[in-house]
Amino acid sequence: MQFERTLVNFTSSNFDIAPTLELPPGQRVRGGNYGASLTLTLNILAP
């Protein structure tokens, strides 16, 4: 539960990064799509 709460706080604090994410044409950053995009980006950037 501690980890989940930290993950939510991390996601919320980095919401401003959303507009800079490179998404497929027509992809909107909202709800689950945003979460998936953020996770995918972190997986690519993080070794």
PDB file of N, CA and C in Angstrom:
ATOM      1  N   MET A   1       0.838  -1.199   0.000  1.00  0.00           N
ATOM      2  CA  MET A   1       0.000   0.000   0.000  1.00  0.00           C
ATOM      3  C   MET A   1       0.876   1.254   0.000  1.00  0.00           C
ATOM      4  N   GLN A   2       1.974   1.191   0.695  1.00  0.00           N
ATOM      5  CA  GLN A   2       2.913   2.313   0.723  1.00  0.00           C
ATOM      6  C   GLN A   2       3.438   2.596  -0.682  1.00  0.00           C
ATOM      7  N   PHE A   3       3.784   1.534  -1.400  1.00  0.00           N
ATOM      8  CA  PHE A   3       4.326   1.689  -2.751  1.00  0.00           C
ATOM      9  C   PHE A   3       3.285   2.288  -3.696  1.00  0.00           C
ATOM     10  N   GLU A   4       2.054   1.797  -3.593  1.00  0.00           N
ATOM     11  CA  GLU A   4       0.988   2.308  -4.458  1.00  0.00           C
ATOM     12  C   GLU A   4       0.759   3.791  -4.211  1.00  0.00           C
ATOM     13  N   ARG A   5       0.769   4.185  -2.953  1.00  0.00           N
ATOM     14  CA  ARG A   5       0.545   5.588  -2.606  1.00  0.00           C
ATOM     15  C   ARG A   5       1.684   6.450  -3.150  1.00  0.00           C
ATOM     16  N   THR A   6       2.903   5.953  -3.039  1.00  0.00           N
ATOM     17  CA  THR A   6       4.058   6.683  -3.556  1.00  0.00           C
ATOM     18  C   THR A   6       3.969   6.814  -5.067  1.00  0.00           C
ATOM     19  N   LEU A   7       3.543   5.749  -5.728  1.00  0.00           N
ATOM     20  CA  LEU A   7       3.425   5.756  -7.185  1.00  0.00           C
ATOM     21  C   LEU A   7       2.382   6.781  -7.628  1.00  0.00           C
ATOM     22  N   VAL A   8       1.268   6.846  -6.904  1.00  0.00           N
ATOM     23  CA  VAL A   8       0.217   7.815  -7.233  1.00  0.00           C
ATOM     24  C   VAL A   8       0.738   9.235  -7.054  1.00  0.00           C
ATOM     25  N   ASN A   9       1.461   9.479  -5.971  1.00  0.00           N
ATOM     26  CA  ASN A   9       2.012  10.810  -5.723  1.00  0.00           C
ATOM     27  C   ASN A   9       3.019  11.183  -6.798  1.00  0.00           C
ATOM     28  N   PHE A  10       3.831  10.231  -7.207  1.00  0.00           N
ATOM     29  CA  PHE A  10       4.828  10.464  -8.248  1.00  0.00           C
ATOM     30  C   PHE A  10       4.147  10.818  -9.565  1.00  0.00           C
ATOM     31  N   THR A  11       3.097  10.074  -9.893  1.00  0.00           N
ATOM     32  CA  THR A  11       2.368  10.323 -11.137  1.00  0.00           C
ATOM     33  C   THR A  11       1.722  11.702 -11.107  1.00  0.00           C
ATOM     34  N   SER A  12       1.139  12.068  -9.975  1.00  0.00           N
ATOM     35  CA  SER A  12       0.468  13.358  -9.856  1.00  0.00           C
ATOM     36  C   SER A  12       1.467  14.505  -9.972  1.00  0.00           C
ATOM     37  N   SER A  13       2.640  14.348  -9.369  1.00  0.00           N
ATOM     38  CA  SER A  13       3.633  15.413  -9.379  1.00  0.00           C
ATOM     39  C   SER A  13       4.261  15.588 -10.750  1.00  0.00           C
ATOM     40  N   ASN A  14       4.154  14.565 -11.599  1.00  0.00           N
ATOM     41  CA  ASN A  14       4.755  14.641 -12.927  1.00  0.00           C
ATOM     42  C   ASN A  14       3.703  14.806 -14.022  1.00  0.00           C
ATOM     43  N   PHE A  15       2.516  15.263 -13.639  1.00  0.00           N
ATOM     44  CA  PHE A  15       1.439  15.407 -14.619  1.00  0.00           C
ATOM     45  C   PHE A  15       1.786  16.462 -15.665  1.00  0.00           C
ATOM     46  N   ASP A  16       2.609  17.453 -15.288  1.00  0.00           N
ATOM     47  CA  ASP A  16       2.980  18.521 -16.217  1.00  0.00           C
ATOM     48  C   ASP A  16       3.834  18.007 -17.374  1.00  0.00           C
ATOM     49  N   ILE A  17       4.391  16.822 -17.247  1.00  0.00           N
ATOM     50  CA  ILE A  17       5.220  16.252 -18.308  1.00  0.00           C
ATOM     51  C   ILE A  17       4.347  15.786 -19.475  1.00  0.00           C
ATOM     52  N   ALA A  18       3.077  15.531 -19.184  1.00  0.00           N
ATOM     53  CA  ALA A  18       2.161  14.971 -20.181  1.00  0.00           C
ATOM     54  C   ALA A  18       2.216  15.659 -21.551  1.00  0.00           C
ATOM     55  N   PRO A  19       2.132  16.987 -21.614  1.00  0.00           N
ATOM     56  CA  PRO A  19       2.117  17.640 -22.928  1.00  0.00           C
ATOM     57  C   PRO A  19       3.386  17.400 -23.738  1.00  0.00           C
ATOM     58  N   THR A  20       4.481  17.035 -23.084  1.00  0.00           N
ATOM     59  CA  THR A  20       5.743  16.862 -23.793  1.00  0.00           C
ATOM     60  C   THR A  20       5.954  15.424 -24.243  1.00  0.00           C
ATOM     61  N   LEU A  21       5.080  14.513 -23.792  1.00  0.00           N
ATOM     62  CA  LEU A  21       5.221  13.113 -24.191  1.00  0.00           C
ATOM     63  C   LEU A  21       4.923  12.947 -25.672  1.00  0.00           C
ATOM     64  N   GLU A  22       5.724  12.148 -26.341  1.00  0.00           N
ATOM     65  CA  GLU A  22       5.481  11.901 -27.759  1.00  0.00           C
ATOM     66  C   GLU A  22       4.482  10.752 -27.891  1.00  0.00           C
ATOM     67  N   LEU A  23       3.280  11.091 -28.321  1.00  0.00           N
ATOM     68  CA  LEU A  23       2.227  10.093 -28.443  1.00  0.00           C
ATOM     69  C   LEU A  23       1.865   9.894 -29.903  1.00  0.00           C
ATOM     70  N   PRO A  24       1.300   8.747 -30.218  1.00  0.00           N
ATOM     71  CA  PRO A  24       0.842   8.494 -31.589  1.00  0.00           C
ATOM     72  C   PRO A  24      -0.169   9.560 -32.010  1.00  0.00           C
ATOM     73  N   PRO A  25      -0.252   9.876 -33.294  1.00  0.00           N
ATOM     74  CA  PRO A  25      -1.198  10.889 -33.779  1.00  0.00           C
ATOM     75  C   PRO A  25      -2.620  10.598 -33.312  1.00  0.00           C
ATOM     76  N   GLY A  26      -3.279  11.613 -32.774  1.00  0.00           N
ATOM     77  CA  GLY A  26      -4.657  11.450 -32.331  1.00  0.00           C
ATOM     78  C   GLY A  26      -4.775  10.907 -30.917  1.00  0.00           C
ATOM     79  N   GLN A  27      -3.651  10.521 -30.329  1.00  0.00           N
ATOM     80  CA  GLN A  27      -3.689   9.979 -28.969  1.00  0.00           C
ATOM     81  C   GLN A  27      -3.897  11.102 -27.963  1.00  0.00           C
ATOM     82  N   ARG A  28      -4.871  10.943 -27.086  1.00  0.00           N
ATOM     83  CA  ARG A  28      -5.130  11.967 -26.086  1.00  0.00           C
ATOM     84  C   ARG A  28      -4.613  11.510 -24.729  1.00  0.00           C
ATOM     85  N   VAL A  29      -3.979  12.429 -24.030  1.00  0.00           N
ATOM     86  CA  VAL A  29      -3.446  12.095 -22.712  1.00  0.00           C
ATOM     87  C   VAL A  29      -4.524  12.339 -21.668  1.00  0.00           C
ATOM     88  N   ARG A  30      -5.172  11.264 -21.251  1.00  0.00           N
ATOM     89  CA  ARG A  30      -6.211  11.386 -20.235  1.00  0.00           C
ATOM     90  C   ARG A  30      -6.531  10.006 -19.676  1.00  0.00           C
ATOM     91  N   GLY A  31      -6.866   9.957 -18.407  1.00  0.00           N
ATOM     92  CA  GLY A  31      -7.262   8.701 -17.777  1.00  0.00           C
ATOM     93  C   GLY A  31      -6.213   7.612 -17.929  1.00  0.00           C
ATOM     94  N   GLY A  32      -6.659   6.416 -18.292  1.00  0.00           N
ATOM     95  CA  GLY A  32      -5.776   5.262 -18.420  1.00  0.00           C
ATOM     96  C   GLY A  32      -4.727   5.463 -19.495  1.00  0.00           C
ATOM     97  N   ASN A  33      -5.056   6.180 -20.552  1.00  0.00           N
ATOM     98  CA  ASN A  33      -4.098   6.404 -21.626  1.00  0.00           C
ATOM     99  C   ASN A  33      -2.876   7.152 -21.115  1.00  0.00           C
ATOM    100  N   TYR A  34      -3.126   8.131 -20.235  1.00  0.00           N
ATOM    101  CA  TYR A  34      -2.009   8.889 -19.661  1.00  0.00           C
ATOM    102  C   TYR A  34      -1.128   7.980 -18.813  1.00  0.00           C
ATOM    103  N   GLY A  35      -1.770   7.167 -17.976  1.00  0.00           N
ATOM    104  CA  GLY A  35      -1.014   6.258 -17.118  1.00  0.00           C
ATOM    105  C   GLY A  35      -0.169   5.292 -17.928  1.00  0.00           C
ATOM    106  N   ALA A  36      -0.753   4.747 -18.992  1.00  0.00           N
ATOM    107  CA  ALA A  36      -0.032   3.804 -19.842  1.00  0.00           C
ATOM    108  C   ALA A  36       1.130   4.502 -20.537  1.00  0.00           C
ATOM    109  N   SER A  37       0.902   5.720 -21.002  1.00  0.00           N
ATOM    110  CA  SER A  37       1.950   6.464 -21.699  1.00  0.00           C
ATOM    111  C   SER A  37       3.095   6.790 -20.744  1.00  0.00           C
ATOM    112  N   LEU A  38       2.748   7.202 -19.525  1.00  0.00           N
ATOM    113  CA  LEU A  38       3.772   7.543 -18.543  1.00  0.00           C
ATOM    114  C   LEU A  38       4.589   6.316 -18.180  1.00  0.00           C
ATOM    115  N   THR A  39       3.904   5.196 -17.955  1.00  0.00           N
ATOM    116  CA  THR A  39       4.600   3.957 -17.612  1.00  0.00           C
ATOM    117  C   THR A  39       5.515   3.524 -18.738  1.00  0.00           C
ATOM    118  N   LEU A  40       5.026   3.592 -19.965  1.00  0.00           N
ATOM    119  CA  LEU A  40       5.816   3.190 -21.123  1.00  0.00           C
ATOM    120  C   LEU A  40       7.039   4.086 -21.261  1.00  0.00           C
ATOM    121  N   THR A  41       6.848   5.393 -21.072  1.00  0.00           N
ATOM    122  CA  THR A  41       7.956   6.340 -21.178  1.00  0.00           C
ATOM    123  C   THR A  41       8.997   6.066 -20.102  1.00  0.00           C
ATOM    124  N   LEU A  42       8.545   5.824 -18.873  1.00  0.00           N
ATOM    125  CA  LEU A  42       9.470   5.550 -17.779  1.00  0.00           C
ATOM    126  C   LEU A  42      10.246   4.267 -18.041  1.00  0.00           C
ATOM    127  N   ASN A  43       9.570   3.274 -18.596  1.00  0.00           N
ATOM    128  CA  ASN A  43      10.240   2.008 -18.890  1.00  0.00           C
ATOM    129  C   ASN A  43      11.308   2.192 -19.953  1.00  0.00           C
ATOM    130  N   ILE A  44      11.060   3.090 -20.906  1.00  0.00           N
ATOM    131  CA  ILE A  44      12.032   3.339 -21.975  1.00  0.00           C
ATOM    132  C   ILE A  44      13.215   4.144 -21.437  1.00  0.00           C
ATOM    133  N   LEU A  45      12.926   5.162 -20.641  1.00  0.00           N
ATOM    134  CA  LEU A  45      13.979   6.049 -20.146  1.00  0.00           C
ATOM    135  C   LEU A  45      14.793   5.398 -19.034  1.00  0.00           C
ATOM    136  N   ALA A  46      14.122   4.647 -18.163  1.00  0.00           N
ATOM    137  CA  ALA A  46      14.819   4.032 -17.033  1.00  0.00           C
ATOM    138  C   ALA A  46      15.525   2.745 -17.474  1.00  0.00           C
ATOM    139  N   PRO A  47      16.782   2.604 -17.120  1.00  0.00           N
ATOM    140  CA  PRO A  47      17.544   1.397 -17.484  1.00  0.00           C
ATOM    141  C   PRO A  47      17.015   0.159 -16.768  1.00  0.00           C
TER     142      PRO A  47
END
